[in-house]
Amino acid sequence: MAGINGIGGIPEPIPVRPSNVRDRKGDIQSASSTRDDVAISDAAQEAAGVARYAQAGAASPDVRAERVAAARESLERGDYKREDIVEEVARRISKYLG
């Protein structure tokens, strides 16, 4: 009985593995014992925080242009340099930071 030996009498290629590759059938670990790690840089974490605050500000429907303009004028005049005002602003901002 004649067998088929490749196409046109050319034998099938035999895969060649590098000599430093072992048979890993016995080395396979279960999925529960493997672990992937992700490291997020400080700059990326800070950027994510800024983006989160910007998104929260954009979603806030109660921004009134006249109040923003009045606050800008007060800042330019230096009204907020008083200690009691600085403490109150810091108190109000701190609830969003933490």
PDB file of N, CA and C in Angstrom:
ATOM      1  N   MET A   1       0.849  -1.160   0.000  1.00  0.00           N
ATOM      2  CA  MET A   1       0.000   0.000   0.000  1.00  0.00           C
ATOM      3  C   MET A   1       0.897   1.225   0.000  1.00  0.00           C
ATOM      4  N   ALA A   2       0.548   2.188  -0.823  1.00  0.00           N
ATOM      5  CA  ALA A   2       1.363   3.399  -0.957  1.00  0.00           C
ATOM      6  C   ALA A   2       0.801   4.480  -0.058  1.00  0.00           C
ATOM      7  N   GLY A   3       1.680   5.199   0.573  1.00  0.00           N
ATOM      8  CA  GLY A   3       1.267   6.306   1.429  1.00  0.00           C
ATOM      9  C   GLY A   3       1.574   7.632   0.768  1.00  0.00           C
ATOM     10  N   ILE A   4       0.941   8.669   1.244  1.00  0.00           N
ATOM     11  CA  ILE A   4       1.193  10.011   0.716  1.00  0.00           C
ATOM     12  C   ILE A   4       2.304  10.631   1.553  1.00  0.00           C
ATOM     13  N   ASN A   5       3.317  11.082   0.873  1.00  0.00           N
ATOM     14  CA  ASN A   5       4.461  11.677   1.551  1.00  0.00           C
ATOM     15  C   ASN A   5       4.597  13.117   1.065  1.00  0.00           C
ATOM     16  N   GLY A   6       3.751  13.998   1.581  1.00  0.00           N
ATOM     17  CA  GLY A   6       3.799  15.401   1.176  1.00  0.00           C
ATOM     18  C   GLY A   6       3.200  15.586  -0.201  1.00  0.00           C
ATOM     19  N   ILE A   7       3.471  16.695  -0.811  1.00  0.00           N
ATOM     20  CA  ILE A   7       2.956  17.008  -2.136  1.00  0.00           C
ATOM     21  C   ILE A   7       4.102  16.838  -3.136  1.00  0.00           C
ATOM     22  N   GLY A   8       3.865  16.094  -4.175  1.00  0.00           N
ATOM     23  CA  GLY A   8       4.876  15.872  -5.196  1.00  0.00           C
ATOM     24  C   GLY A   8       6.093  15.141  -4.663  1.00  0.00           C
ATOM     25  N   GLY A   9       5.894  14.329  -3.624  1.00  0.00           N
ATOM     26  CA  GLY A   9       6.987  13.563  -3.070  1.00  0.00           C
ATOM     27  C   GLY A   9       7.848  14.333  -2.087  1.00  0.00           C
ATOM     28  N   ILE A  10       7.503  15.637  -1.829  1.00  0.00           N
ATOM     29  CA  ILE A  10       8.266  16.450  -0.871  1.00  0.00           C
ATOM     30  C   ILE A  10       7.693  16.187   0.516  1.00  0.00           C
ATOM     31  N   PRO A  11       8.524  15.811   1.468  1.00  0.00           N
ATOM     32  CA  PRO A  11       8.002  15.497   2.797  1.00  0.00           C
ATOM     33  C   PRO A  11       7.494  16.742   3.527  1.00  0.00           C
ATOM     34  N   GLU A  12       6.559  16.512   4.428  1.00  0.00           N
ATOM     35  CA  GLU A  12       6.021  17.600   5.255  1.00  0.00           C
ATOM     36  C   GLU A  12       7.138  18.168   6.124  1.00  0.00           C
ATOM     37  N   PRO A  13       7.151  19.478   6.319  1.00  0.00           N
ATOM     38  CA  PRO A  13       8.195  20.056   7.168  1.00  0.00           C
ATOM     39  C   PRO A  13       7.971  19.675   8.630  1.00  0.00           C
ATOM     40  N   ILE A  14       9.045  19.509   9.341  1.00  0.00           N
ATOM     41  CA  ILE A  14       8.995  19.197  10.765  1.00  0.00           C
ATOM     42  C   ILE A  14       9.307  20.485  11.516  1.00  0.00           C
ATOM     43  N   PRO A  15       8.413  20.923  12.391  1.00  0.00           N
ATOM     44  CA  PRO A  15       8.697  22.163  13.116  1.00  0.00           C
ATOM     45  C   PRO A  15       9.968  22.016  13.949  1.00  0.00           C
ATOM     46  N   VAL A  16      10.802  23.036  13.874  1.00  0.00           N
ATOM     47  CA  VAL A  16      12.056  23.025  14.616  1.00  0.00           C
ATOM     48  C   VAL A  16      11.943  24.052  15.733  1.00  0.00           C
ATOM     49  N   ARG A  17      12.178  23.603  16.947  1.00  0.00           N
ATOM     50  CA  ARG A  17      12.161  24.506  18.092  1.00  0.00           C
ATOM     51  C   ARG A  17      13.589  24.802  18.508  1.00  0.00           C
ATOM     52  N   PRO A  18      13.831  26.006  18.997  1.00  0.00           N
ATOM     53  CA  PRO A  18      15.167  26.301  19.504  1.00  0.00           C
ATOM     54  C   PRO A  18      15.528  25.340  20.628  1.00  0.00           C
ATOM     55  N   SER A  19      16.811  25.110  20.789  1.00  0.00           N
ATOM     56  CA  SER A  19      17.259  24.133  21.784  1.00  0.00           C
ATOM     57  C   SER A  19      16.965  24.560  23.219  1.00  0.00           C
ATOM     58  N   ASN A  20      16.788  25.877  23.446  1.00  0.00           N
ATOM     59  CA  ASN A  20      16.534  26.336  24.814  1.00  0.00           C
ATOM     60  C   ASN A  20      15.054  26.297  25.198  1.00  0.00           C
ATOM     61  N   VAL A  21      14.172  25.857  24.296  1.00  0.00           N
ATOM     62  CA  VAL A  21      12.745  25.769  24.597  1.00  0.00           C
ATOM     63  C   VAL A  21      12.454  24.350  25.071  1.00  0.00           C
ATOM     64  N   ARG A  22      11.844  24.267  26.253  1.00  0.00           N
ATOM     65  CA  ARG A  22      11.496  22.959  26.817  1.00  0.00           C
ATOM     66  C   ARG A  22      10.047  22.633  26.516  1.00  0.00           C
ATOM     67  N   ASP A  23       9.741  21.386  26.672  1.00  0.00           N
ATOM     68  CA  ASP A  23       8.356  20.954  26.570  1.00  0.00           C
ATOM     69  C   ASP A  23       7.646  21.431  27.826  1.00  0.00           C
ATOM     70  N   ARG A  24       6.657  22.266  27.699  1.00  0.00           N
ATOM     71  CA  ARG A  24       6.025  22.901  28.859  1.00  0.00           C
ATOM     72  C   ARG A  24       4.774  22.184  29.336  1.00  0.00           C
ATOM     73  N   LYS A  25       4.547  20.993  28.932  1.00  0.00           N
ATOM     74  CA  LYS A  25       3.338  20.291  29.359  1.00  0.00           C
ATOM     75  C   LYS A  25       3.288  20.146  30.873  1.00  0.00           C
ATOM     76  N   GLY A  26       4.422  19.932  31.504  1.00  0.00           N
ATOM     77  CA  GLY A  26       4.448  19.780  32.955  1.00  0.00           C
ATOM     78  C   GLY A  26       4.576  21.098  33.693  1.00  0.00           C
ATOM     79  N   ASP A  27       4.889  22.196  32.963  1.00  0.00           N
ATOM     80  CA  ASP A  27       5.116  23.489  33.602  1.00  0.00           C
ATOM     81  C   ASP A  27       3.906  24.408  33.593  1.00  0.00           C
ATOM     82  N   ILE A  28       2.792  23.962  33.056  1.00  0.00           N
ATOM     83  CA  ILE A  28       1.623  24.828  32.949  1.00  0.00           C
ATOM     84  C   ILE A  28       1.036  25.068  34.337  1.00  0.00           C
ATOM     85  N   GLN A  29       0.861  26.374  34.652  1.00  0.00           N
ATOM     86  CA  GLN A  29       0.275  26.741  35.944  1.00  0.00           C
ATOM     87  C   GLN A  29      -1.204  26.996  35.755  1.00  0.00           C
ATOM     88  N   SER A  30      -1.922  26.822  36.805  1.00  0.00           N
ATOM     89  CA  SER A  30      -3.354  27.098  36.721  1.00  0.00           C
ATOM     90  C   SER A  30      -3.574  28.600  36.652  1.00  0.00           C
ATOM     91  N   ALA A  31      -4.701  28.998  36.110  1.00  0.00           N
ATOM     92  CA  ALA A  31      -5.006  30.416  35.959  1.00  0.00           C
ATOM     93  C   ALA A  31      -5.094  31.119  37.306  1.00  0.00           C
ATOM     94  N   SER A  32      -5.468  30.416  38.345  1.00  0.00           N
ATOM     95  CA  SER A  32      -5.602  31.053  39.654  1.00  0.00           C
ATOM     96  C   SER A  32      -4.253  31.352  40.281  1.00  0.00           C
ATOM     97  N   SER A  33      -3.197  30.695  39.849  1.00  0.00           N
ATOM     98  CA  SER A  33      -1.896  30.953  40.457  1.00  0.00           C
ATOM     99  C   SER A  33      -1.096  32.008  39.698  1.00  0.00           C
ATOM    100  N   THR A  34      -1.546  32.418  38.522  1.00  0.00           N
ATOM    101  CA  THR A  34      -0.856  33.479  37.790  1.00  0.00           C
ATOM    102  C   THR A  34      -1.440  34.817  38.179  1.00  0.00           C
ATOM    103  N   ARG A  35      -0.629  35.875  38.031  1.00  0.00           N
ATOM    104  CA  ARG A  35      -1.083  37.195  38.466  1.00  0.00           C
ATOM    105  C   ARG A  35      -0.495  38.255  37.553  1.00  0.00           C
ATOM    106  N   ASP A  36      -1.300  39.205  37.135  1.00  0.00           N
ATOM    107  CA  ASP A  36      -0.844  40.343  36.354  1.00  0.00           C
ATOM    108  C   ASP A  36      -0.868  41.570  37.251  1.00  0.00           C
ATOM    109  N   ASP A  37       0.114  42.435  37.086  1.00  0.00           N
ATOM    110  CA  ASP A  37       0.187  43.665  37.859  1.00  0.00           C
ATOM    111  C   ASP A  37       0.135  44.862  36.920  1.00  0.00           C
ATOM    112  N   VAL A  38      -0.442  45.937  37.399  1.00  0.00           N
ATOM    113  CA  VAL A  38      -0.492  47.184  36.655  1.00  0.00           C
ATOM    114  C   VAL A  38       0.044  48.271  37.568  1.00  0.00           C
ATOM    115  N   ALA A  39       0.945  49.080  37.051  1.00  0.00           N
ATOM    116  CA  ALA A  39       1.486  50.203  37.814  1.00  0.00           C
ATOM    117  C   ALA A  39       1.071  51.494  37.126  1.00  0.00           C
ATOM    118  N   ILE A  40       0.376  52.357  37.855  1.00  0.00           N
ATOM    119  CA  ILE A  40      -0.076  53.636  37.315  1.00  0.00           C
ATOM    120  C   ILE A  40       0.770  54.721  37.947  1.00  0.00           C
ATOM    121  N   SER A  41       1.390  55.539  37.107  1.00  0.00           N
ATOM    122  CA  SER A  41       2.307  56.562  37.600  1.00  0.00           C
ATOM    123  C   SER A  41       1.553  57.620  38.403  1.00  0.00           C
ATOM    124  N   ASP A  42       2.309  58.343  39.232  1.00  0.00           N
ATOM    125  CA  ASP A  42       1.715  59.417  40.025  1.00  0.00           C
ATOM    126  C   ASP A  42       1.121  60.493  39.121  1.00  0.00           C
ATOM    127  N   ALA A  43       1.814  60.796  38.023  1.00  0.00           N
ATOM    128  CA  ALA A  43       1.318  61.816  37.099  1.00  0.00           C
ATOM    129  C   ALA A  43      -0.006  61.387  36.469  1.00  0.00           C
ATOM    130  N   ALA A  44      -0.131  60.117  36.121  1.00  0.00           N
ATOM    131  CA  ALA A  44      -1.375  59.618  35.532  1.00  0.00           C
ATOM    132  C   ALA A  44      -2.514  59.643  36.551  1.00  0.00           C
ATOM    133  N   GLN A  45      -2.206  59.315  37.803  1.00  0.00           N
ATOM    134  CA  GLN A  45      -3.230  59.358  38.844  1.00  0.00           C
ATOM    135  C   GLN A  45      -3.683  60.792  39.080  1.00  0.00           C
ATOM    136  N   GLU A  46      -2.744  61.732  39.078  1.00  0.00           N
ATOM    137  CA  GLU A  46      -3.095  63.140  39.271  1.00  0.00           C
ATOM    138  C   GLU A  46      -3.937  63.637  38.100  1.00  0.00           C
ATOM    139  N   ALA A  47      -3.567  63.259  36.885  1.00  0.00           N
ATOM    140  CA  ALA A  47      -4.329  63.663  35.702  1.00  0.00           C
ATOM    141  C   ALA A  47      -5.741  63.103  35.752  1.00  0.00           C
ATOM    142  N   ALA A  48      -5.891  61.880  36.232  1.00  0.00           N
ATOM    143  CA  ALA A  48      -7.223  61.286  36.358  1.00  0.00           C
ATOM    144  C   ALA A  48      -8.061  62.050  37.380  1.00  0.00           C
ATOM    145  N   GLY A  49      -7.420  62.480  38.469  1.00  0.00           N
ATOM    146  CA  GLY A  49      -8.133  63.266  39.480  1.00  0.00           C
ATOM    147  C   GLY A  49      -8.595  64.599  38.921  1.00  0.00           C
ATOM    148  N   VAL A  50      -7.722  65.275  38.186  1.00  0.00           N
ATOM    149  CA  VAL A  50      -8.087  66.561  37.576  1.00  0.00           C
ATOM    150  C   VAL A  50      -9.235  66.358  36.590  1.00  0.00           C
ATOM    151  N   ALA A  51      -9.158  65.302  35.801  1.00  0.00           N
ATOM    152  CA  ALA A  51     -10.229  65.025  34.837  1.00  0.00           C
ATOM    153  C   ALA A  51     -11.545  64.756  35.555  1.00  0.00           C
ATOM    154  N   ARG A  52     -11.474  64.049  36.689  1.00  0.00           N
ATOM    155  CA  ARG A  52     -12.688  63.754  37.459  1.00  0.00           C
ATOM    156  C   ARG A  52     -13.315  65.043  37.992  1.00  0.00           C
ATOM    157  N   TYR A  53     -12.475  65.964  38.492  1.00  0.00           N
ATOM    158  CA  TYR A  53     -12.998  67.239  39.003  1.00  0.00           C
ATOM    159  C   TYR A  53     -13.555  68.100  37.872  1.00  0.00           C
ATOM    160  N   ALA A  54     -12.881  68.096  36.730  1.00  0.00           N
ATOM    161  CA  ALA A  54     -13.369  68.861  35.585  1.00  0.00           C
ATOM    162  C   ALA A  54     -14.718  68.327  35.115  1.00  0.00           C
ATOM    163  N   GLN A  55     -14.850  67.013  35.112  1.00  0.00           N
ATOM    164  CA  GLN A  55     -16.109  66.401  34.692  1.00  0.00           C
ATOM    165  C   GLN A  55     -17.224  66.745  35.685  1.00  0.00           C
ATOM    166  N   ALA A  56     -16.900  66.728  36.966  1.00  0.00           N
ATOM    167  CA  ALA A  56     -17.904  67.074  37.977  1.00  0.00           C
ATOM    168  C   ALA A  56     -18.329  68.530  37.823  1.00  0.00           C
ATOM    169  N   GLY A  57     -17.374  69.410  37.532  1.00  0.00           N
ATOM    170  CA  GLY A  57     -17.700  70.816  37.332  1.00  0.00           C
ATOM    171  C   GLY A  57     -18.536  71.037  36.097  1.00  0.00           C
ATOM    172  N   ALA A  58     -18.242  70.296  35.034  1.00  0.00           N
ATOM    173  CA  ALA A  58     -19.010  70.444  33.798  1.00  0.00           C
ATOM    174  C   ALA A  58     -20.431  69.915  33.965  1.00  0.00           C
ATOM    175  N   ALA A  59     -20.601  68.924  34.822  1.00  0.00           N
ATOM    176  CA  ALA A  59     -21.926  68.337  35.032  1.00  0.00           C
ATOM    177  C   ALA A  59     -22.792  69.182  35.960  1.00  0.00           C
ATOM    178  N   SER A  60     -22.179  70.129  36.641  1.00  0.00           N
ATOM    179  CA  SER A  60     -22.918  70.957  37.587  1.00  0.00           C
ATOM    180  C   SER A  60     -23.757  71.997  36.832  1.00  0.00           C
ATOM    181  N   PRO A  61     -25.074  71.932  36.955  1.00  0.00           N
ATOM    182  CA  PRO A  61     -25.933  72.839  36.189  1.00  0.00           C
ATOM    183  C   PRO A  61     -26.086  74.221  36.817  1.00  0.00           C
ATOM    184  N   ASP A  62     -25.600  74.419  38.024  1.00  0.00           N
ATOM    185  CA  ASP A  62     -25.874  75.674  38.729  1.00  0.00           C
ATOM    186  C   ASP A  62     -24.739  76.698  38.614  1.00  0.00           C
ATOM    187  N   VAL A  63     -23.974  76.691  37.526  1.00  0.00           N
ATOM    188  CA  VAL A  63     -22.933  77.686  37.307  1.00  0.00           C
ATOM    189  C   VAL A  63     -23.594  78.910  36.700  1.00  0.00           C
ATOM    190  N   ARG A  64     -23.450  80.024  37.404  1.00  0.00           N
ATOM    191  CA  ARG A  64     -24.055  81.261  36.932  1.00  0.00           C
ATOM    192  C   ARG A  64     -22.964  82.242  36.543  1.00  0.00           C
ATOM    193  N   ALA A  65     -23.038  82.732  35.324  1.00  0.00           N
ATOM    194  CA  ALA A  65     -21.993  83.595  34.765  1.00  0.00           C
ATOM    195  C   ALA A  65     -21.799  84.859  35.591  1.00  0.00           C
ATOM    196  N   GLU A  66     -22.875  85.442  36.097  1.00  0.00           N
ATOM    197  CA  GLU A  66     -22.738  86.690  36.869  1.00  0.00           C
ATOM    198  C   GLU A  66     -22.002  86.453  38.188  1.00  0.00           C
ATOM    199  N   ARG A  67     -22.208  85.293  38.805  1.00  0.00           N
ATOM    200  CA  ARG A  67     -21.488  84.974  40.049  1.00  0.00           C
ATOM    201  C   ARG A  67     -20.011  84.715  39.779  1.00  0.00           C
ATOM    202  N   VAL A  68     -19.730  84.060  38.649  1.00  0.00           N
ATOM    203  CA  VAL A  68     -18.338  83.811  38.270  1.00  0.00           C
ATOM    204  C   VAL A  68     -17.632  85.135  38.006  1.00  0.00           C
ATOM    205  N   ALA A  69     -18.292  86.052  37.303  1.00  0.00           N
ATOM    206  CA  ALA A  69     -17.703  87.365  37.014  1.00  0.00           C
ATOM    207  C   ALA A  69     -17.458  88.139  38.302  1.00  0.00           C
ATOM    208  N   ALA A  70     -18.396  88.096  39.242  1.00  0.00           N
ATOM    209  CA  ALA A  70     -18.228  88.799  40.521  1.00  0.00           C
ATOM    210  C   ALA A  70     -17.063  88.218  41.315  1.00  0.00           C
ATOM    211  N   ALA A  71     -16.936  86.895  41.304  1.00  0.00           N
ATOM    212  CA  ALA A  71     -15.830  86.248  42.011  1.00  0.00           C
ATOM    213  C   ALA A  71     -14.495  86.623  41.368  1.00  0.00           C
ATOM    214  N   ARG A  72     -14.466  86.665  40.050  1.00  0.00           N
ATOM    215  CA  ARG A  72     -13.234  87.047  39.347  1.00  0.00           C
ATOM    216  C   ARG A  72     -12.815  88.469  39.725  1.00  0.00           C
ATOM    217  N   GLU A  73     -13.775  89.380  39.772  1.00  0.00           N
ATOM    218  CA  GLU A  73     -13.473  90.765  40.152  1.00  0.00           C
ATOM    219  C   GLU A  73     -12.959  90.839  41.593  1.00  0.00           C
ATOM    220  N   SER A  74     -13.557  90.070  42.486  1.00  0.00           N
ATOM    221  CA  SER A  74     -13.112  90.049  43.886  1.00  0.00           C
ATOM    222  C   SER A  74     -11.689  89.520  43.997  1.00  0.00           C
ATOM    223  N   LEU A  75     -11.373  88.503  43.214  1.00  0.00           N
ATOM    224  CA  LEU A  75     -10.006  87.969  43.213  1.00  0.00           C
ATOM    225  C   LEU A  75      -9.008  89.007  42.725  1.00  0.00           C
ATOM    226  N   GLU A  76      -9.379  89.716  41.664  1.00  0.00           N
ATOM    227  CA  GLU A  76      -8.477  90.734  41.113  1.00  0.00           C
ATOM    228  C   GLU A  76      -8.265  91.886  42.093  1.00  0.00           C
ATOM    229  N   ARG A  77      -9.276  92.224  42.876  1.00  0.00           N
ATOM    230  CA  ARG A  77      -9.148  93.290  43.883  1.00  0.00           C
ATOM    231  C   ARG A  77      -8.375  92.819  45.113  1.00  0.00           C
ATOM    232  N   GLY A  78      -8.294  91.518  45.316  1.00  0.00           N
ATOM    233  CA  GLY A  78      -7.591  90.993  46.480  1.00  0.00           C
ATOM    234  C   GLY A  78      -8.479  90.797  47.687  1.00  0.00           C
ATOM    235  N   ASP A  79      -9.794  90.760  47.484  1.00  0.00           N
ATOM    236  CA  ASP A  79     -10.735  90.595  48.592  1.00  0.00           C
ATOM    237  C   ASP A  79     -10.547  89.274  49.336  1.00  0.00           C
ATOM    238  N   TYR A  80     -10.045  88.269  48.673  1.00  0.00           N
ATOM    239  CA  TYR A  80      -9.942  86.942  49.287  1.00  0.00           C
ATOM    240  C   TYR A  80      -8.635  86.728  50.041  1.00  0.00           C
ATOM    241  N   LYS A  81      -7.872  87.761  50.227  1.00  0.00           N
ATOM    242  CA  LYS A  81      -6.614  87.621  50.959  1.00  0.00           C
ATOM    243  C   LYS A  81      -6.817  87.737  52.469  1.00  0.00           C
ATOM    244  N   ARG A  82      -8.032  87.977  52.899  1.00  0.00           N
ATOM    245  CA  ARG A  82      -8.318  88.023  54.330  1.00  0.00           C
ATOM    246  C   ARG A  82      -8.329  86.613  54.886  1.00  0.00           C
ATOM    247  N   GLU A  83      -7.808  86.458  56.095  1.00  0.00           N
ATOM    248  CA  GLU A  83      -7.668  85.131  56.697  1.00  0.00           C
ATOM    249  C   GLU A  83      -9.002  84.410  56.866  1.00  0.00           C
ATOM    250  N   ASP A  84     -10.034  85.111  57.289  1.00  0.00           N
ATOM    251  CA  ASP A  84     -11.327  84.453  57.495  1.00  0.00           C
ATOM    252  C   ASP A  84     -11.926  83.950  56.174  1.00  0.00           C
ATOM    253  N   ILE A  85     -11.711  84.683  55.110  1.00  0.00           N
ATOM    254  CA  ILE A  85     -12.223  84.255  53.811  1.00  0.00           C
ATOM    255  C   ILE A  85     -11.422  83.064  53.294  1.00  0.00           C
ATOM    256  N   VAL A  86     -10.100  83.098  53.452  1.00  0.00           N
ATOM    257  CA  VAL A  86      -9.252  81.983  53.009  1.00  0.00           C
ATOM    258  C   VAL A  86      -9.645  80.701  53.744  1.00  0.00           C
ATOM    259  N   GLU A  87      -9.896  80.787  55.036  1.00  0.00           N
ATOM    260  CA  GLU A  87     -10.292  79.609  55.809  1.00  0.00           C
ATOM    261  C   GLU A  87     -11.633  79.054  55.331  1.00  0.00           C
ATOM    262  N   GLU A  88     -12.572  79.946  55.040  1.00  0.00           N
ATOM    263  CA  GLU A  88     -13.897  79.494  54.583  1.00  0.00           C
ATOM    264  C   GLU A  88     -13.799  78.836  53.205  1.00  0.00           C
ATOM    265  N   VAL A  89     -13.027  79.424  52.309  1.00  0.00           N
ATOM    266  CA  VAL A  89     -12.851  78.839  50.973  1.00  0.00           C
ATOM    267  C   VAL A  89     -12.176  77.476  51.096  1.00  0.00           C
ATOM    268  N   ALA A  90     -11.150  77.383  51.934  1.00  0.00           N
ATOM    269  CA  ALA A  90     -10.457  76.101  52.130  1.00  0.00           C
ATOM    270  C   ALA A  90     -11.409  75.049  52.696  1.00  0.00           C
ATOM    271  N   ARG A  91     -12.260  75.447  53.625  1.00  0.00           N
ATOM    272  CA  ARG A  91     -13.227  74.510  54.208  1.00  0.00           C
ATOM    273  C   ARG A  91     -14.190  73.997  53.147  1.00  0.00           C
ATOM    274  N   ARG A  92     -14.669  74.888  52.299  1.00  0.00           N
ATOM    275  CA  ARG A  92     -15.618  74.474  51.270  1.00  0.00           C
ATOM    276  C   ARG A  92     -14.973  73.606  50.200  1.00  0.00           C
ATOM    277  N   ILE A  93     -13.752  73.916  49.832  1.00  0.00           N
ATOM    278  CA  ILE A  93     -13.063  73.133  48.807  1.00  0.00           C
ATOM    279  C   ILE A  93     -12.680  71.754  49.345  1.00  0.00           C
ATOM    280  N   SER A  94     -12.348  71.668  50.618  1.00  0.00           N
ATOM    281  CA  SER A  94     -11.866  70.401  51.185  1.00  0.00           C
ATOM    282  C   SER A  94     -12.901  69.274  51.078  1.00  0.00           C
ATOM    283  N   LYS A  95     -14.175  69.597  51.059  1.00  0.00           N
ATOM    284  CA  LYS A  95     -15.175  68.529  50.941  1.00  0.00           C
ATOM    285  C   LYS A  95     -15.143  67.864  49.566  1.00  0.00           C
ATOM    286  N   TYR A  96     -14.569  68.528  48.560  1.00  0.00           N
ATOM    287  CA  TYR A  96     -14.462  67.933  47.228  1.00  0.00           C
ATOM    288  C   TYR A  96     -13.157  67.168  47.040  1.00  0.00           C
ATOM    289  N   LEU A  97     -12.198  67.365  47.904  1.00  0.00           N
ATOM    290  CA  LEU A  97     -10.886  66.740  47.757  1.00  0.00           C
ATOM    291  C   LEU A  97     -10.760  65.420  48.473  1.00  0.00           C
ATOM    292  N   GLY A  98     -11.702  65.073  49.256  1.00  0.00           N
ATOM    293  CA  GLY A  98     -11.409  63.928  49.968  1.00  0.00           C
ATOM    294  C   GLY A  98     -12.186  62.817  50.312  1.00  0.00           C
TER     295      GLY A  98
END
